[in-house]
PDB file of N, CA and C in Angstrom:
ATOM      1  N   MET A   1      -8.378  24.696  61.702  1.00  0.00           N
ATOM      2  CA  MET A   1      -9.094  23.764  61.037  1.00  0.00           C
ATOM      3  C   MET A   1      -8.264  23.083  59.794  1.00  0.00           C
ATOM      4  N   ALA A   2      -8.279  21.888  59.713  1.00  0.00           N
ATOM      5  CA  ALA A   2      -7.450  21.250  58.687  1.00  0.00           C
ATOM      6  C   ALA A   2      -8.218  21.335  57.286  1.00  0.00           C
ATOM      7  N   LYS A   3      -7.211  21.454  56.231  1.00  0.00           N
ATOM      8  CA  LYS A   3      -7.753  21.558  54.841  1.00  0.00           C
ATOM      9  C   LYS A   3      -8.157  20.192  54.396  1.00  0.00           C
ATOM     10  N   ARG A   4      -9.392  20.055  53.947  1.00  0.00           N
ATOM     11  CA  ARG A   4      -9.992  18.927  53.534  1.00  0.00           C
ATOM     12  C   ARG A   4      -9.586  18.583  52.104  1.00  0.00           C
ATOM     13  N   ASN A   5      -9.848  17.356  51.676  1.00  0.00           N
ATOM     14  CA  ASN A   5      -9.398  16.876  50.255  1.00  0.00           C
ATOM     15  C   ASN A   5     -10.530  17.291  49.373  1.00  0.00           C
ATOM     16  N   ILE A   6     -10.449  18.487  48.784  1.00  0.00           N
ATOM     17  CA  ILE A   6     -11.487  19.019  47.938  1.00  0.00           C
ATOM     18  C   ILE A   6     -10.984  19.102  46.470  1.00  0.00           C
ATOM     19  N   ARG A   7     -11.744  18.560  45.535  1.00  0.00           N
ATOM     20  CA  ARG A   7     -11.310  18.614  44.158  1.00  0.00           C
ATOM     21  C   ARG A   7     -12.568  18.872  43.387  1.00  0.00           C
ATOM     22  N   THR A   8     -12.409  19.476  42.130  1.00  0.00           N
ATOM     23  CA  THR A   8     -13.335  19.808  41.185  1.00  0.00           C
ATOM     24  C   THR A   8     -13.829  18.677  40.385  1.00  0.00           C
ATOM     25  N   ILE A   9     -15.054  18.279  40.309  1.00  0.00           N
ATOM     26  CA  ILE A   9     -15.667  17.217  39.535  1.00  0.00           C
ATOM     27  C   ILE A   9     -16.691  17.828  38.474  1.00  0.00           C
ATOM     28  N   SER A  10     -16.997  17.046  37.446  1.00  0.00           N
ATOM     29  CA  SER A  10     -18.053  17.476  36.673  1.00  0.00           C
ATOM     30  C   SER A  10     -19.224  16.507  36.745  1.00  0.00           C
ATOM     31  N   ILE A  11     -20.374  16.965  36.801  1.00  0.00           N
ATOM     32  CA  ILE A  11     -21.624  16.139  36.931  1.00  0.00           C
ATOM     33  C   ILE A  11     -22.432  16.209  35.677  1.00  0.00           C
ATOM     34  N   HIS A  12     -22.747  15.068  35.050  1.00  0.00           N
ATOM     35  CA  HIS A  12     -23.453  14.992  33.737  1.00  0.00           C
ATOM     36  C   HIS A  12     -24.700  14.191  33.922  1.00  0.00           C
ATOM     37  N   CYS A  13     -25.682  14.460  33.038  1.00  0.00           N
ATOM     38  CA  CYS A  13     -26.920  13.805  33.016  1.00  0.00           C
ATOM     39  C   CYS A  13     -26.735  12.437  32.460  1.00  0.00           C
ATOM     40  N   ALA A  14     -27.286  11.344  33.120  1.00  0.00           N
ATOM     41  CA  ALA A  14     -27.045   9.975  32.664  1.00  0.00           C
ATOM     42  C   ALA A  14     -27.835   9.662  31.467  1.00  0.00           C
ATOM     43  N   LYS A  15     -28.837  10.430  31.191  1.00  0.00           N
ATOM     44  CA  LYS A  15     -29.730  10.158  30.048  1.00  0.00           C
ATOM     45  C   LYS A  15     -29.108  10.779  28.732  1.00  0.00           C
ATOM     46  N   CYS A  16     -28.626  12.001  28.685  1.00  0.00           N
ATOM     47  CA  CYS A  16     -28.120  12.556  27.431  1.00  0.00           C
ATOM     48  C   CYS A  16     -26.799  13.094  27.449  1.00  0.00           C
ATOM     49  N   GLN A  17     -25.986  12.791  28.628  1.00  0.00           N
ATOM     50  CA  GLN A  17     -24.600  13.145  28.797  1.00  0.00           C
ATOM     51  C   GLN A  17     -24.356  14.720  28.889  1.00  0.00           C
ATOM     52  N   THR A  18     -25.348  15.503  29.033  1.00  0.00           N
ATOM     53  CA  THR A  18     -25.120  16.993  29.110  1.00  0.00           C
ATOM     54  C   THR A  18     -24.470  17.225  30.361  1.00  0.00           C
ATOM     55  N   LEU A  19     -23.440  18.292  30.346  1.00  0.00           N
ATOM     56  CA  LEU A  19     -22.815  18.766  31.508  1.00  0.00           C
ATOM     57  C   LEU A  19     -23.937  19.745  32.348  1.00  0.00           C
ATOM     58  N   LEU A  20     -24.063  19.251  33.662  1.00  0.00           N
ATOM     59  CA  LEU A  20     -24.945  19.978  34.444  1.00  0.00           C
ATOM     60  C   LEU A  20     -24.170  20.990  35.426  1.00  0.00           C
ATOM     61  N   TYR A  21     -23.284  20.408  36.050  1.00  0.00           N
ATOM     62  CA  TYR A  21     -22.482  21.216  37.193  1.00  0.00           C
ATOM     63  C   TYR A  21     -21.004  20.918  36.991  1.00  0.00           C
ATOM     64  N   LYS A  22     -20.182  22.012  37.559  1.00  0.00           N
ATOM     65  CA  LYS A  22     -18.859  21.772  37.945  1.00  0.00           C
ATOM     66  C   LYS A  22     -18.989  22.045  39.490  1.00  0.00           C
ATOM     67  N   TYR A  23     -18.490  21.130  40.270  1.00  0.00           N
ATOM     68  CA  TYR A  23     -18.626  21.018  41.722  1.00  0.00           C
ATOM     69  C   TYR A  23     -17.412  20.846  42.561  1.00  0.00           C
ATOM     70  N   HIS A  24     -17.287  21.436  43.695  1.00  0.00           N
ATOM     71  CA  HIS A  24     -16.082  21.201  44.443  1.00  0.00           C
ATOM     72  C   HIS A  24     -16.533  20.139  45.507  1.00  0.00           C
ATOM     73  N   LYS A  25     -16.021  18.833  45.141  1.00  0.00           N
ATOM     74  CA  LYS A  25     -16.467  17.630  45.984  1.00  0.00           C
ATOM     75  C   LYS A  25     -15.335  17.595  47.066  1.00  0.00           C
ATOM     76  N   GLY A  26     -15.881  17.247  48.270  1.00  0.00           N
ATOM     77  CA  GLY A  26     -15.044  17.114  49.484  1.00  0.00           C
ATOM     78  C   GLY A  26     -15.316  15.655  50.004  1.00  0.00           C
ATOM     79  N   GLY A  27     -14.205  15.029  50.529  1.00  0.00           N
ATOM     80  CA  GLY A  27     -14.298  13.635  51.075  1.00  0.00           C
ATOM     81  C   GLY A  27     -14.235  12.545  50.006  1.00  0.00           C
ATOM     82  N   SER A  28     -14.351  11.276  50.437  1.00  0.00           N
ATOM     83  CA  SER A  28     -14.016  10.220  49.483  1.00  0.00           C
ATOM     84  C   SER A  28     -15.156   9.355  49.121  1.00  0.00           C
ATOM     85  N   GLY A  29     -16.394   9.666  49.550  1.00  0.00           N
ATOM     86  CA  GLY A  29     -17.679   8.981  49.467  1.00  0.00           C
ATOM     87  C   GLY A  29     -18.177   9.242  48.157  1.00  0.00           C
ATOM     88  N   GLY A  30     -19.264   8.500  47.787  1.00  0.00           N
ATOM     89  CA  GLY A  30     -20.041   8.859  46.448  1.00  0.00           C
ATOM     90  C   GLY A  30     -20.816  10.024  46.481  1.00  0.00           C
ATOM     91  N   LEU A  31     -21.319  10.594  45.397  1.00  0.00           N
ATOM     92  CA  LEU A  31     -22.014  11.824  45.387  1.00  0.00           C
ATOM     93  C   LEU A  31     -23.575  11.499  45.663  1.00  0.00           C
ATOM     94  N   VAL A  32     -23.811  12.160  46.866  1.00  0.00           N
ATOM     95  CA  VAL A  32     -25.239  11.957  47.386  1.00  0.00           C
ATOM     96  C   VAL A  32     -26.007  13.427  47.241  1.00  0.00           C
ATOM     97  N   LYS A  33     -25.310  14.507  47.460  1.00  0.00           N
ATOM     98  CA  LYS A  33     -25.817  15.757  47.646  1.00  0.00           C
ATOM     99  C   LYS A  33     -24.751  16.749  47.091  1.00  0.00           C
ATOM    100  N   CYS A  34     -25.280  17.914  46.525  1.00  0.00           N
ATOM    101  CA  CYS A  34     -24.441  18.937  45.973  1.00  0.00           C
ATOM    102  C   CYS A  34     -24.771  20.182  47.027  1.00  0.00           C
ATOM    103  N   LEU A  35     -23.979  20.731  47.763  1.00  0.00           N
ATOM    104  CA  LEU A  35     -24.274  22.022  48.502  1.00  0.00           C
ATOM    105  C   LEU A  35     -24.214  23.102  47.527  1.00  0.00           C
ATOM    106  N   VAL A  36     -25.245  23.840  47.528  1.00  0.00           N
ATOM    107  CA  VAL A  36     -25.180  24.977  46.585  1.00  0.00           C
ATOM    108  C   VAL A  36     -24.131  25.956  46.657  1.00  0.00           C
ATOM    109  N   GLU A  37     -23.651  26.220  47.671  1.00  0.00           N
ATOM    110  CA  GLU A  37     -22.329  27.037  47.884  1.00  0.00           C
ATOM    111  C   GLU A  37     -21.070  26.658  47.247  1.00  0.00           C
ATOM    112  N   ARG A  38     -20.964  25.217  47.065  1.00  0.00           N
ATOM    113  CA  ARG A  38     -19.838  24.573  46.422  1.00  0.00           C
ATOM    114  C   ARG A  38     -19.980  24.359  44.967  1.00  0.00           C
ATOM    115  N   ILE A  39     -21.160  24.667  44.323  1.00  0.00           N
ATOM    116  CA  ILE A  39     -21.284  24.612  42.841  1.00  0.00           C
ATOM    117  C   ILE A  39     -20.480  25.870  42.176  1.00  0.00           C
ATOM    118  N   VAL A  40     -19.539  25.410  41.376  1.00  0.00           N
ATOM    119  CA  VAL A  40     -18.671  26.250  40.833  1.00  0.00           C
ATOM    120  C   VAL A  40     -19.253  26.943  39.399  1.00  0.00           C
ATOM    121  N   GLU A  41     -19.829  25.849  38.719  1.00  0.00           N
ATOM    122  CA  GLU A  41     -20.386  26.390  37.368  1.00  0.00           C
ATOM    123  C   GLU A  41     -21.644  25.659  37.199  1.00  0.00           C
ATOM    124  N   ASP A  42     -22.862  26.390  37.069  1.00  0.00           N
ATOM    125  CA  ASP A  42     -24.143  25.768  36.926  1.00  0.00           C
ATOM    126  C   ASP A  42     -24.541  25.945  35.486  1.00  0.00           C
ATOM    127  N   ARG A  43     -24.976  24.839  34.698  1.00  0.00           N
ATOM    128  CA  ARG A  43     -25.402  25.016  33.439  1.00  0.00           C
ATOM    129  C   ARG A  43     -26.789  24.749  33.352  1.00  0.00           C
ATOM    130  N   THR A  44     -27.476  24.615  34.471  1.00  0.00           N
ATOM    131  CA  THR A  44     -28.985  24.395  34.475  1.00  0.00           C
ATOM    132  C   THR A  44     -29.639  25.721  34.672  1.00  0.00           C
ATOM    133  N   ALA A  45     -30.897  25.593  34.554  1.00  0.00           N
ATOM    134  CA  ALA A  45     -31.726  26.855  34.798  1.00  0.00           C
ATOM    135  C   ALA A  45     -32.081  27.051  36.129  1.00  0.00           C
ATOM    136  N   GLY A  46     -31.453  26.164  37.049  1.00  0.00           N
ATOM    137  CA  GLY A  46     -31.710  26.375  38.470  1.00  0.00           C
ATOM    138  C   GLY A  46     -33.065  25.652  38.936  1.00  0.00           C
ATOM    139  N   ASP A  47     -33.578  24.885  37.931  1.00  0.00           N
ATOM    140  CA  ASP A  47     -34.856  24.140  38.227  1.00  0.00           C
ATOM    141  C   ASP A  47     -34.614  22.691  38.487  1.00  0.00           C
ATOM    142  N   LEU A  48     -33.318  22.212  38.638  1.00  0.00           N
ATOM    143  CA  LEU A  48     -32.909  20.819  38.883  1.00  0.00           C
ATOM    144  C   LEU A  48     -33.401  19.918  37.895  1.00  0.00           C
ATOM    145  N   LYS A  49     -33.554  20.326  36.586  1.00  0.00           N
ATOM    146  CA  LYS A  49     -33.810  19.595  35.428  1.00  0.00           C
ATOM    147  C   LYS A  49     -32.696  19.735  34.521  1.00  0.00           C
ATOM    148  N   CYS A  50     -32.417  18.746  33.682  1.00  0.00           N
ATOM    149  CA  CYS A  50     -31.353  18.732  32.596  1.00  0.00           C
ATOM    150  C   CYS A  50     -31.927  19.710  31.517  1.00  0.00           C
ATOM    151  N   PRO A  51     -30.986  20.742  31.122  1.00  0.00           N
ATOM    152  CA  PRO A  51     -31.492  21.644  30.183  1.00  0.00           C
ATOM    153  C   PRO A  51     -31.864  21.053  28.751  1.00  0.00           C
ATOM    154  N   ALA A  52     -31.189  19.834  28.383  1.00  0.00           N
ATOM    155  CA  ALA A  52     -31.391  19.206  27.199  1.00  0.00           C
ATOM    156  C   ALA A  52     -32.544  18.300  27.055  1.00  0.00           C
ATOM    157  N   CYS A  53     -32.751  17.409  28.029  1.00  0.00           N
ATOM    158  CA  CYS A  53     -33.768  16.345  28.089  1.00  0.00           C
ATOM    159  C   CYS A  53     -34.883  16.494  29.124  1.00  0.00           C
ATOM    160  N   GLU A  54     -34.808  17.556  29.847  1.00  0.00           N
ATOM    161  CA  GLU A  54     -35.656  17.894  30.949  1.00  0.00           C
ATOM    162  C   GLU A  54     -36.009  16.936  32.018  1.00  0.00           C
ATOM    163  N   GLN A  55     -35.019  15.968  32.196  1.00  0.00           N
ATOM    164  CA  GLN A  55     -35.074  15.014  33.279  1.00  0.00           C
ATOM    165  C   GLN A  55     -34.762  15.607  34.560  1.00  0.00           C
ATOM    166  N   GLU A  56     -35.568  15.445  35.593  1.00  0.00           N
ATOM    167  CA  GLU A  56     -35.262  15.859  37.008  1.00  0.00           C
ATOM    168  C   GLU A  56     -34.127  14.994  37.463  1.00  0.00           C
ATOM    169  N   PHE A  57     -32.961  15.543  37.970  1.00  0.00           N
ATOM    170  CA  PHE A  57     -31.866  14.879  38.541  1.00  0.00           C
ATOM    171  C   PHE A  57     -31.659  15.001  39.992  1.00  0.00           C
ATOM    172  N   ALA A  58     -32.298  15.983  40.633  1.00  0.00           N
ATOM    173  CA  ALA A  58     -32.073  16.216  41.943  1.00  0.00           C
ATOM    174  C   ALA A  58     -33.443  17.044  42.605  1.00  0.00           C
ATOM    175  N   ARG A  59     -33.400  16.997  43.871  1.00  0.00           N
ATOM    176  CA  ARG A  59     -34.404  17.716  44.664  1.00  0.00           C
ATOM    177  C   ARG A  59     -33.779  18.705  45.664  1.00  0.00           C
ATOM    178  N   LEU A  60     -34.368  19.781  45.844  1.00  0.00           N
ATOM    179  CA  LEU A  60     -33.926  20.861  46.805  1.00  0.00           C
ATOM    180  C   LEU A  60     -34.092  20.423  48.239  1.00  0.00           C
ATOM    181  N   GLN A  61     -33.171  20.455  49.198  1.00  0.00           N
ATOM    182  CA  GLN A  61     -33.347  20.129  50.445  1.00  0.00           C
ATOM    183  C   GLN A  61     -32.480  20.926  51.419  1.00  0.00           C
ATOM    184  N   MET A  62     -32.899  21.215  52.567  1.00  0.00           N
ATOM    185  CA  MET A  62     -32.086  21.924  53.536  1.00  0.00           C
ATOM    186  C   MET A  62     -31.315  20.957  54.311  1.00  0.00           C
ATOM    187  N   ILE A  63     -29.848  21.003  54.342  1.00  0.00           N
ATOM    188  CA  ILE A  63     -28.957  20.068  55.121  1.00  0.00           C
ATOM    189  C   ILE A  63     -28.207  20.949  56.004  1.00  0.00           C
ATOM    190  N   GLY A  64     -28.359  20.837  57.349  1.00  0.00           N
ATOM    191  CA  GLY A  64     -27.625  21.580  58.202  1.00  0.00           C
ATOM    192  C   GLY A  64     -27.822  23.155  58.033  1.00  0.00           C
ATOM    193  N   ASN A  65     -29.018  23.581  57.845  1.00  0.00           N
ATOM    194  CA  ASN A  65     -29.272  24.985  57.557  1.00  0.00           C
ATOM    195  C   ASN A  65     -28.759  25.526  56.270  1.00  0.00           C
ATOM    196  N   ARG A  66     -28.372  24.605  55.477  1.00  0.00           N
ATOM    197  CA  ARG A  66     -27.719  25.064  54.129  1.00  0.00           C
ATOM    198  C   ARG A  66     -28.478  24.411  53.001  1.00  0.00           C
ATOM    199  N   PRO A  67     -28.715  25.231  51.921  1.00  0.00           N
ATOM    200  CA  PRO A  67     -29.469  24.602  50.787  1.00  0.00           C
ATOM    201  C   PRO A  67     -28.536  23.577  50.082  1.00  0.00           C
ATOM    202  N   ALA A  68     -29.181  22.507  49.600  1.00  0.00           N
ATOM    203  CA  ALA A  68     -28.305  21.433  48.954  1.00  0.00           C
ATOM    204  C   ALA A  68     -29.217  20.794  47.837  1.00  0.00           C
ATOM    205  N   HIS A  69     -28.670  20.273  46.787  1.00  0.00           N
ATOM    206  CA  HIS A  69     -29.322  19.572  45.832  1.00  0.00           C
ATOM    207  C   HIS A  69     -29.155  18.103  46.097  1.00  0.00           C
ATOM    208  N   LYS A  70     -30.180  17.295  46.544  1.00  0.00           N
ATOM    209  CA  LYS A  70     -30.181  15.945  46.814  1.00  0.00           C
ATOM    210  C   LYS A  70     -30.219  15.169  45.553  1.00  0.00           C
ATOM    211  N   ILE A  71     -29.191  14.592  45.174  1.00  0.00           N
ATOM    212  CA  ILE A  71     -29.118  13.712  43.874  1.00  0.00           C
ATOM    213  C   ILE A  71     -30.051  12.661  43.844  1.00  0.00           C
ATOM    214  N   ILE A  72     -30.652  12.379  42.813  1.00  0.00           N
ATOM    215  CA  ILE A  72     -31.702  11.151  42.605  1.00  0.00           C
ATOM    216  C   ILE A  72     -30.696  10.085  41.981  1.00  0.00           C
ATOM    217  N   GLN A  73     -30.618   8.998  42.700  1.00  0.00           N
ATOM    218  CA  GLN A  73     -29.836   7.859  42.243  1.00  0.00           C
ATOM    219  C   GLN A  73     -29.941   7.452  40.918  1.00  0.00           C
ATOM    220  N   GLY A  74     -28.965   7.278  40.164  1.00  0.00           N
ATOM    221  CA  GLY A  74     -28.996   6.931  38.749  1.00  0.00           C
ATOM    222  C   GLY A  74     -29.253   8.011  37.560  1.00  0.00           C
ATOM    223  N   LYS A  75     -29.500   9.157  38.017  1.00  0.00           N
ATOM    224  CA  LYS A  75     -30.004  10.291  37.083  1.00  0.00           C
ATOM    225  C   LYS A  75     -28.696  11.035  36.631  1.00  0.00           C
ATOM    226  N   VAL A  76     -27.532  10.811  37.425  1.00  0.00           N
ATOM    227  CA  VAL A  76     -26.372  11.635  36.965  1.00  0.00           C
ATOM    228  C   VAL A  76     -25.079  10.702  37.032  1.00  0.00           C
ATOM    229  N   TYR A  77     -24.089  10.970  36.285  1.00  0.00           N
ATOM    230  CA  TYR A  77     -22.842  10.367  36.456  1.00  0.00           C
ATOM    231  C   TYR A  77     -21.743  11.561  36.659  1.00  0.00           C
ATOM    232  N   THR A  78     -20.557  11.078  37.211  1.00  0.00           N
ATOM    233  CA  THR A  78     -19.566  12.060  37.493  1.00  0.00           C
ATOM    234  C   THR A  78     -18.253  11.758  36.720  1.00  0.00           C
ATOM    235  N   LYS A  79     -17.440  12.813  36.494  1.00  0.00           N
ATOM    236  CA  LYS A  79     -16.104  12.637  36.047  1.00  0.00           C
ATOM    237  C   LYS A  79     -15.205  13.463  37.021  1.00  0.00           C
ATOM    238  N   GLY A  80     -14.037  12.774  37.297  1.00  0.00           N
ATOM    239  CA  GLY A  80     -13.061  13.451  38.166  1.00  0.00           C
ATOM    240  C   GLY A  80     -13.118  12.864  39.581  1.00  0.00           C
ATOM    241  N   MET A  81     -14.034  11.801  39.805  1.00  0.00           N
ATOM    242  CA  MET A  81     -13.907  11.143  41.126  1.00  0.00           C
ATOM    243  C   MET A  81     -12.989  10.214  41.086  1.00  0.00           C
ATOM    244  N   ARG A  82     -12.387   9.959  42.365  1.00  0.00           N
ATOM    245  CA  ARG A  82     -11.315   8.900  42.475  1.00  0.00           C
ATOM    246  C   ARG A  82     -12.008   7.614  42.479  1.00  0.00           C
ATOM    247  N   ARG A  83     -11.148   6.625  42.021  1.00  0.00           N
ATOM    248  CA  ARG A  83     -11.652   5.171  42.019  1.00  0.00           C
ATOM    249  C   ARG A  83     -10.827   4.439  43.086  1.00  0.00           C
ATOM    250  N   LYS A  84     -11.492   3.355  43.716  1.00  0.00           N
ATOM    251  CA  LYS A  84     -10.746   2.621  44.821  1.00  0.00           C
ATOM    252  C   LYS A  84      -9.923   1.525  44.082  1.00  0.00           C
TER     253      LYS A  84
END
């Protein structure tokens, strides 16, 4: 199996700029979901809400029999993503 292009990005709340996750992102597309097994550092209480402003930023969903956090568009921004 070929090694994929995986890098660590930080995911922040769009409302208050609080760091939510550090995440191992694979592929070149935008951030749509975060697989729970790839979250390196979780600074939330696990309730998918920002710890500072209480805004919900994702919903729990099963994707391919694995738990994932489906990101709500516009609620987060990322640092460490490649630009085209």
